[in-house]
Amino acid sequence: MDITVVAHPNARKPRIEQDLLGTLHVYVNAPPLEDKANWAVIDALAEYFKTKKSAVVLLSGRKSKNKKFKIYL
């Protein structure tokens, strides 16, 4: 399954919300340095979809807030 995610690093309260268009907004505590926020988003998505971290693959948007992921369920 391919999903579009908007990452929000340095959030006070980590959470995942879905907007009206179906885009997931992932709020993480990690800073956007050295891929720490990307790994935190992968961890959050793996927990949200109840799958392993290795089943969540970042397709595009490594240095952007808008990211595309492929999730193998």
N, C-alpha and C. Protein backbone atom coordinates (compact mmCIF):
# COMPACT_ATOMS: atom_id res chain seq x y z
N MET A 1 0.84 -1.16 0.00
CA MET A 1 0.00 0.00 0.00
C MET A 1 0.90 1.23 0.00
N ASP A 2 0.65 2.18 -0.87
CA ASP A 2 1.38 3.44 -0.92
C ASP A 2 0.57 4.51 -0.19
N ILE A 3 1.25 5.27 0.66
CA ILE A 3 0.56 6.34 1.39
C ILE A 3 1.38 7.62 1.31
N THR A 4 0.69 8.74 1.43
CA THR A 4 1.32 10.04 1.49
C THR A 4 1.27 10.53 2.92
N VAL A 5 2.40 11.04 3.39
CA VAL A 5 2.54 11.46 4.78
C VAL A 5 3.11 12.87 4.81
N VAL A 6 2.62 13.67 5.74
CA VAL A 6 3.22 14.97 6.03
C VAL A 6 3.86 14.84 7.41
N ALA A 7 5.17 14.99 7.46
CA ALA A 7 5.91 14.83 8.72
C ALA A 7 6.00 16.17 9.43
N HIS A 8 5.82 16.13 10.75
CA HIS A 8 5.94 17.31 11.59
C HIS A 8 6.96 17.00 12.69
N PRO A 9 8.25 17.29 12.46
CA PRO A 9 9.26 17.01 13.47
C PRO A 9 9.19 18.02 14.62
N ASN A 10 9.85 17.69 15.72
CA ASN A 10 9.90 18.54 16.92
C ASN A 10 8.53 18.83 17.49
N ALA A 11 7.61 17.91 17.39
CA ALA A 11 6.27 18.11 17.93
C ALA A 11 6.29 17.88 19.44
N ARG A 12 5.44 18.57 20.13
CA ARG A 12 5.37 18.39 21.59
C ARG A 12 4.70 17.07 21.94
N LYS A 13 3.65 16.73 21.20
CA LYS A 13 2.89 15.52 21.48
C LYS A 13 2.92 14.62 20.24
N PRO A 14 3.62 13.49 20.29
CA PRO A 14 3.65 12.61 19.11
C PRO A 14 2.28 11.97 18.87
N ARG A 15 1.85 12.01 17.61
CA ARG A 15 0.53 11.46 17.26
C ARG A 15 0.44 11.34 15.75
N ILE A 16 -0.60 10.64 15.29
CA ILE A 16 -0.90 10.52 13.87
C ILE A 16 -2.34 10.93 13.66
N GLU A 17 -2.55 11.87 12.74
CA GLU A 17 -3.89 12.36 12.41
C GLU A 17 -4.10 12.24 10.91
N GLN A 18 -5.36 12.08 10.53
CA GLN A 18 -5.70 12.01 9.10
C GLN A 18 -6.58 13.20 8.75
N ASP A 19 -6.23 13.90 7.65
CA ASP A 19 -7.05 15.04 7.25
C ASP A 19 -8.19 14.58 6.34
N LEU A 20 -8.96 15.51 5.85
CA LEU A 20 -10.14 15.18 5.06
C LEU A 20 -9.81 14.56 3.70
N LEU A 21 -8.60 14.81 3.22
CA LEU A 21 -8.18 14.25 1.92
C LEU A 21 -7.55 12.87 2.06
N GLY A 22 -7.40 12.39 3.28
CA GLY A 22 -6.83 11.07 3.51
C GLY A 22 -5.34 11.07 3.74
N THR A 23 -4.72 12.23 3.80
CA THR A 23 -3.28 12.32 4.04
C THR A 23 -3.02 12.17 5.54
N LEU A 24 -2.04 11.36 5.88
CA LEU A 24 -1.67 11.20 7.27
C LEU A 24 -0.67 12.28 7.68
N HIS A 25 -0.91 12.89 8.82
CA HIS A 25 0.01 13.85 9.41
C HIS A 25 0.64 13.16 10.61
N VAL A 26 1.96 12.98 10.56
CA VAL A 26 2.67 12.27 11.61
C VAL A 26 3.51 13.28 12.39
N TYR A 27 3.19 13.44 13.66
CA TYR A 27 3.90 14.35 14.55
C TYR A 27 4.87 13.52 15.38
N VAL A 28 6.16 13.87 15.34
CA VAL A 28 7.18 13.13 16.09
C VAL A 28 8.04 14.10 16.90
N ASN A 29 8.63 13.60 17.98
CA ASN A 29 9.49 14.41 18.84
C ASN A 29 10.87 14.65 18.26
N ALA A 30 11.29 13.80 17.37
CA ALA A 30 12.67 13.83 16.85
C ALA A 30 12.93 15.07 16.00
N PRO A 31 14.17 15.57 16.05
CA PRO A 31 14.53 16.71 15.20
C PRO A 31 14.78 16.26 13.77
N PRO A 32 14.69 17.17 12.82
CA PRO A 32 14.89 16.80 11.41
C PRO A 32 16.37 16.76 11.01
N LEU A 33 17.20 16.27 11.88
CA LEU A 33 18.63 16.20 11.61
C LEU A 33 19.07 14.74 11.51
N GLU A 34 19.96 14.47 10.55
CA GLU A 34 20.56 13.15 10.38
C GLU A 34 19.52 12.03 10.29
N ASP A 35 18.42 12.28 9.63
CA ASP A 35 17.35 11.30 9.40
C ASP A 35 16.67 10.81 10.67
N LYS A 36 16.84 11.50 11.78
CA LYS A 36 16.20 11.07 13.03
C LYS A 36 14.68 11.16 12.92
N ALA A 37 14.18 12.22 12.29
CA ALA A 37 12.73 12.37 12.13
C ALA A 37 12.18 11.31 11.18
N ASN A 38 12.92 10.98 10.13
CA ASN A 38 12.46 9.93 9.20
C ASN A 38 12.32 8.60 9.93
N TRP A 39 13.31 8.25 10.75
CA TRP A 39 13.23 6.99 11.49
C TRP A 39 12.09 7.01 12.50
N ALA A 40 11.85 8.17 13.11
CA ALA A 40 10.74 8.27 14.06
C ALA A 40 9.40 8.12 13.34
N VAL A 41 9.29 8.66 12.14
CA VAL A 41 8.07 8.51 11.35
C VAL A 41 7.87 7.05 10.95
N ILE A 42 8.94 6.38 10.58
CA ILE A 42 8.85 4.95 10.23
C ILE A 42 8.39 4.15 11.45
N ASP A 43 8.94 4.45 12.62
CA ASP A 43 8.52 3.77 13.85
C ASP A 43 7.04 4.00 14.13
N ALA A 44 6.60 5.25 13.97
CA ALA A 44 5.20 5.58 14.25
C ALA A 44 4.26 4.90 13.26
N LEU A 45 4.64 4.86 11.99
CA LEU A 45 3.80 4.20 10.98
C LEU A 45 3.74 2.70 11.21
N ALA A 46 4.85 2.10 11.59
CA ALA A 46 4.86 0.66 11.86
C ALA A 46 3.93 0.33 13.03
N GLU A 47 3.94 1.17 14.04
CA GLU A 47 3.04 0.95 15.18
C GLU A 47 1.58 1.20 14.78
N TYR A 48 1.34 2.23 13.98
CA TYR A 48 -0.02 2.59 13.55
C TYR A 48 -0.65 1.47 12.72
N PHE A 49 0.13 0.90 11.80
CA PHE A 49 -0.38 -0.15 10.92
C PHE A 49 -0.12 -1.56 11.48
N LYS A 50 0.44 -1.64 12.68
CA LYS A 50 0.70 -2.91 13.36
C LYS A 50 1.51 -3.87 12.49
N THR A 51 2.66 -3.38 12.04
CA THR A 51 3.56 -4.16 11.22
C THR A 51 4.99 -3.92 11.68
N LYS A 52 5.95 -4.62 11.09
CA LYS A 52 7.35 -4.44 11.45
C LYS A 52 7.90 -3.16 10.83
N LYS A 53 8.96 -2.64 11.45
CA LYS A 53 9.60 -1.44 10.91
C LYS A 53 10.18 -1.71 9.52
N SER A 54 10.64 -2.93 9.29
CA SER A 54 11.24 -3.26 8.00
C SER A 54 10.19 -3.32 6.89
N ALA A 55 8.91 -3.33 7.24
CA ALA A 55 7.84 -3.37 6.24
C ALA A 55 7.43 -1.97 5.80
N VAL A 56 8.04 -0.94 6.39
CA VAL A 56 7.74 0.45 6.03
C VAL A 56 8.95 1.01 5.29
N VAL A 57 8.75 1.37 4.02
CA VAL A 57 9.85 1.82 3.17
C VAL A 57 9.58 3.24 2.68
N LEU A 58 10.55 4.12 2.87
CA LEU A 58 10.45 5.49 2.40
C LEU A 58 10.76 5.52 0.90
N LEU A 59 9.78 5.91 0.09
CA LEU A 59 9.97 5.96 -1.36
C LEU A 59 10.54 7.30 -1.81
N SER A 60 10.01 8.40 -1.29
CA SER A 60 10.49 9.72 -1.69
C SER A 60 10.23 10.72 -0.58
N GLY A 61 10.98 11.82 -0.62
CA GLY A 61 10.78 12.89 0.34
C GLY A 61 11.69 12.81 1.54
N ARG A 62 12.90 12.30 1.35
CA ARG A 62 13.82 12.14 2.48
C ARG A 62 14.11 13.47 3.17
N LYS A 63 14.22 14.56 2.41
CA LYS A 63 14.53 15.87 2.99
C LYS A 63 13.35 16.83 2.91
N SER A 64 12.16 16.29 2.77
CA SER A 64 10.96 17.11 2.63
C SER A 64 9.96 16.73 3.71
N LYS A 65 9.02 17.62 3.97
CA LYS A 65 7.94 17.29 4.90
C LYS A 65 6.94 16.34 4.27
N ASN A 66 6.78 16.44 2.96
CA ASN A 66 5.86 15.56 2.23
C ASN A 66 6.61 14.31 1.80
N LYS A 67 6.16 13.17 2.28
CA LYS A 67 6.86 11.91 2.05
C LYS A 67 5.90 10.87 1.49
N LYS A 68 6.45 9.94 0.75
CA LYS A 68 5.69 8.79 0.25
C LYS A 68 6.31 7.53 0.82
N PHE A 69 5.45 6.68 1.34
CA PHE A 69 5.88 5.42 1.92
C PHE A 69 5.18 4.26 1.26
N LYS A 70 5.85 3.13 1.22
CA LYS A 70 5.22 1.87 0.82
C LYS A 70 5.20 1.00 2.07
N ILE A 71 4.02 0.47 2.37
CA ILE A 71 3.85 -0.36 3.56
C ILE A 71 3.43 -1.74 3.10
N TYR A 72 4.21 -2.72 3.51
CA TYR A 72 3.91 -4.12 3.20
C TYR A 72 3.16 -4.72 4.39
N LEU A 73 1.90 -5.03 4.20
CA LEU A 73 1.09 -5.57 5.29
C LEU A 73 1.08 -7.08 5.29
